[in-house]
Amino acid sequence: MKDKPKKLCKLVKKDFLKDDLKEYVKLVNKPQYICDKCGRVANDKKNLCSTEEI
């Protein structure tokens, strides 16, 4: 069974950027969605809390 995708908002608060920058870049390198709460962008809407298509 696959793990549920983590939300970028929570990952960044847990030092995800410092710990795994390459993985973060994979999640945001071709953004299609933006979080209307925090402004983060992602390739997949599953990785954001509240999404709007770009």
Protein backbone atom coordinates (compact mmCIF):
# COMPACT_ATOMS: atom_id res chain seq x y z
CA MET A 1 0.00 0.00 0.00
CA LYS A 2 1.33 3.44 -0.93
CA ASP A 3 1.89 6.10 1.69
CA LYS A 4 -0.52 9.02 1.61
CA PRO A 5 1.20 12.06 0.00
CA LYS A 6 2.40 14.60 2.49
CA LYS A 7 1.31 18.21 2.26
CA LEU A 8 4.15 20.62 1.45
CA CYS A 9 3.06 23.00 4.20
CA LYS A 10 3.75 20.36 6.85
CA LEU A 11 6.88 18.99 5.18
CA VAL A 12 8.56 22.40 5.05
CA LYS A 13 7.84 22.99 8.74
CA LYS A 14 9.65 19.72 9.49
CA ASP A 15 12.89 20.87 7.76
CA PHE A 16 12.08 18.91 4.60
CA LEU A 17 13.92 21.54 2.52
CA LYS A 18 17.12 21.15 4.51
CA ASP A 19 16.86 17.38 4.78
CA ASP A 20 15.79 16.46 1.23
CA LEU A 21 16.03 19.37 -1.20
CA LYS A 22 16.17 17.10 -4.28
CA GLU A 23 12.86 15.45 -3.36
CA TYR A 24 11.27 18.86 -2.76
CA VAL A 25 12.40 20.04 -6.20
CA LYS A 26 10.73 16.99 -7.78
CA LEU A 27 7.44 17.99 -6.14
CA VAL A 28 7.54 21.62 -7.33
CA ASN A 29 9.58 21.70 -10.57
CA LYS A 30 6.59 21.96 -12.95
CA PRO A 31 3.87 23.53 -10.82
CA GLN A 32 0.28 23.14 -11.92
CA TYR A 33 -1.37 24.11 -8.61
CA ILE A 34 -1.04 26.81 -5.97
CA CYS A 35 -2.19 26.69 -2.34
CA ASP A 36 -4.56 29.58 -1.71
CA LYS A 37 -3.66 29.52 2.00
CA CYS A 38 0.15 29.63 2.01
CA GLY A 39 1.10 30.33 -1.61
CA ARG A 40 3.20 27.21 -2.15
CA VAL A 41 3.11 25.57 -5.58
CA ALA A 42 3.24 21.90 -6.58
CA ASN A 43 3.01 19.56 -9.55
CA ASP A 44 0.18 17.57 -7.93
CA LYS A 45 -2.77 19.00 -6.00
CA LYS A 46 -2.44 16.15 -3.49
CA ASN A 47 0.65 17.87 -2.09
CA LEU A 48 -1.14 21.09 -1.12
CA CYS A 49 -3.73 21.93 1.54
CA SER A 50 -6.08 24.13 -0.47
CA THR A 51 -5.55 24.17 -4.22
CA GLU A 52 -6.27 26.32 -7.21
CA GLU A 53 -5.16 25.36 -10.69
CA ILE A 54 -2.56 27.74 -12.15
